[in-house]
Amino acid sequence: MQRIVFIGAGSVVFSKQLLVDILSFEEFHDCCFVFEDIDPERLKLTEKVARMFIEQHRSKATVELYDNIQDAVNGADFVINLVQVGGFDSTRKDFEIPARYGMKQTIADSMGIGGM
């Protein structure tokens, strides 16, 4: 069973989409999704969403929750980092700075204007 670890799994939108993408491959239908986040409420929300999609895909995947990175990555086959550095203020700058120069963008925190 492969262990796929999501660090910063409280980012429910990104976690959900990656989970759905991964579950689209039959090879991962019996994996273990490991979710780690420092916010226990958001972590539980991610767990709820994950279990819903696992059931919809008729997958045998399991879910584990952690609030400690070292414990979460133990035995990992894949680690996906979803943390947001700087919070909402950083996201707002991704829009405001390009706007000063007449450019518009959507969320682009790893590529494009915002990522630069």
Protein backbone atom coordinates (compact mmCIF):
# COMPACT_ATOMS: atom_id res chain seq x y z
CA MET A 1 0.00 0.00 0.00
CA GLN A 2 1.45 3.33 -1.06
CA ARG A 3 1.47 6.24 1.44
CA ILE A 4 0.70 9.62 -0.10
CA VAL A 5 1.31 12.46 2.36
CA PHE A 6 -0.29 15.90 2.04
CA ILE A 7 1.55 18.50 4.14
CA GLY A 8 -0.73 21.49 4.75
CA ALA A 9 -3.79 19.38 4.02
CA GLY A 10 -6.03 22.03 5.62
CA SER A 11 -5.95 23.65 2.21
CA VAL A 12 -9.15 21.80 1.39
CA VAL A 13 -9.53 23.01 -2.21
CA PHE A 14 -6.07 21.87 -3.26
CA SER A 15 -6.26 18.66 -1.22
CA LYS A 16 -9.64 17.75 -2.72
CA GLN A 17 -8.54 18.29 -6.31
CA LEU A 18 -5.32 16.32 -5.90
CA LEU A 19 -7.18 13.51 -4.15
CA VAL A 20 -9.70 13.28 -7.00
CA ASP A 21 -6.88 13.33 -9.57
CA ILE A 22 -4.99 10.56 -7.74
CA LEU A 23 -8.13 8.44 -7.35
CA SER A 24 -8.68 8.62 -11.11
CA PHE A 25 -5.85 6.08 -11.38
CA GLU A 26 -6.83 2.51 -10.51
CA GLU A 27 -3.29 1.92 -9.20
CA PHE A 28 -3.98 4.22 -6.24
CA HIS A 29 -7.38 2.84 -5.19
CA ASP A 30 -5.84 1.02 -2.24
CA CYS A 31 -3.37 3.69 -1.09
CA CYS A 32 -3.18 5.42 2.27
CA PHE A 33 -3.79 9.17 2.18
CA VAL A 34 -1.95 10.87 5.02
CA PHE A 35 -3.10 14.39 5.82
CA GLU A 36 -1.03 16.72 8.02
CA ASP A 37 -1.92 20.22 9.14
CA ILE A 38 -1.44 22.47 12.16
CA ASP A 39 -5.14 23.45 12.17
CA PRO A 40 -7.16 20.53 13.60
CA GLU A 41 -10.52 21.89 12.40
CA ARG A 42 -9.40 22.27 8.79
CA LEU A 43 -7.72 18.87 8.98
CA LYS A 44 -11.01 17.25 10.03
CA LEU A 45 -12.79 19.01 7.16
CA THR A 46 -10.24 17.64 4.71
CA GLU A 47 -10.75 14.17 6.18
CA LYS A 48 -14.52 14.43 5.70
CA VAL A 49 -14.14 15.54 2.07
CA ALA A 50 -11.52 12.83 1.40
CA ARG A 51 -13.70 10.05 2.79
CA MET A 52 -16.61 11.26 0.66
CA PHE A 53 -14.55 11.11 -2.56
CA ILE A 54 -12.96 7.78 -1.62
CA GLU A 55 -16.44 6.34 -1.21
CA GLN A 56 -17.66 7.89 -4.49
CA HIS A 57 -14.74 6.28 -6.32
CA ARG A 58 -15.48 2.94 -4.63
CA SER A 59 -11.87 3.01 -3.51
CA LYS A 60 -10.30 0.98 -0.71
CA ALA A 61 -8.01 3.89 0.17
CA THR A 62 -7.52 4.72 3.83
CA VAL A 63 -7.03 8.05 5.60
CA GLU A 64 -4.70 9.01 8.44
CA LEU A 65 -4.48 12.42 10.14
CA TYR A 66 -1.43 14.02 11.75
CA ASP A 67 -0.52 17.34 13.31
CA ASN A 68 3.21 16.56 13.17
CA ILE A 69 5.20 16.51 9.93
CA GLN A 70 7.82 14.00 11.13
CA ASP A 71 5.13 11.46 12.05
CA ALA A 72 3.19 12.10 8.83
CA VAL A 73 6.12 11.53 6.46
CA ASN A 74 7.31 8.36 8.18
CA GLY A 75 7.20 5.64 5.51
CA ALA A 76 5.91 8.00 2.81
CA ASP A 77 6.11 7.03 -0.83
CA PHE A 78 5.04 10.51 -1.99
CA VAL A 79 4.99 13.85 -0.15
CA ILE A 80 2.97 16.78 -1.50
CA ASN A 81 3.50 20.20 0.07
CA LEU A 82 0.38 22.41 0.13
CA VAL A 83 1.33 25.00 2.74
CA GLN A 84 0.46 28.65 2.17
CA VAL A 85 3.25 30.97 3.25
CA GLY A 86 2.16 34.43 4.30
CA GLY A 87 -1.58 33.77 4.49
CA PHE A 88 -4.21 35.96 2.87
CA ASP A 89 -1.95 39.05 2.84
CA SER A 90 0.49 37.29 0.52
CA THR A 91 -2.32 36.18 -1.76
CA ARG A 92 -3.64 39.74 -1.98
CA LYS A 93 -0.17 40.96 -3.05
CA ASP A 94 -0.30 38.41 -5.90
CA PHE A 95 -3.16 40.50 -7.30
CA GLU A 96 -2.23 44.03 -6.23
CA ILE A 97 1.35 44.18 -7.50
CA PRO A 98 0.57 43.07 -11.08
CA ALA A 99 -2.50 45.36 -11.10
CA ARG A 100 -0.20 48.39 -10.53
CA TYR A 101 1.39 47.56 -13.88
CA GLY A 102 -1.88 46.97 -15.69
CA MET A 103 -1.79 43.20 -15.53
CA LYS A 104 -4.54 40.91 -14.28
CA GLN A 105 -4.05 37.42 -13.02
CA THR A 106 -5.81 34.60 -11.25
CA ILE A 107 -4.17 32.63 -8.47
CA ALA A 108 -0.70 31.83 -9.76
CA ASP A 109 1.45 31.29 -6.72
CA SER A 110 3.94 28.94 -8.33
CA MET A 111 4.03 30.19 -11.92
CA GLY A 112 3.37 33.48 -13.66
CA ILE A 113 3.38 36.94 -12.17
CA GLY A 114 2.42 35.96 -8.60
CA GLY A 115 5.00 33.20 -8.47
CA MET A 116 7.73 35.62 -9.47
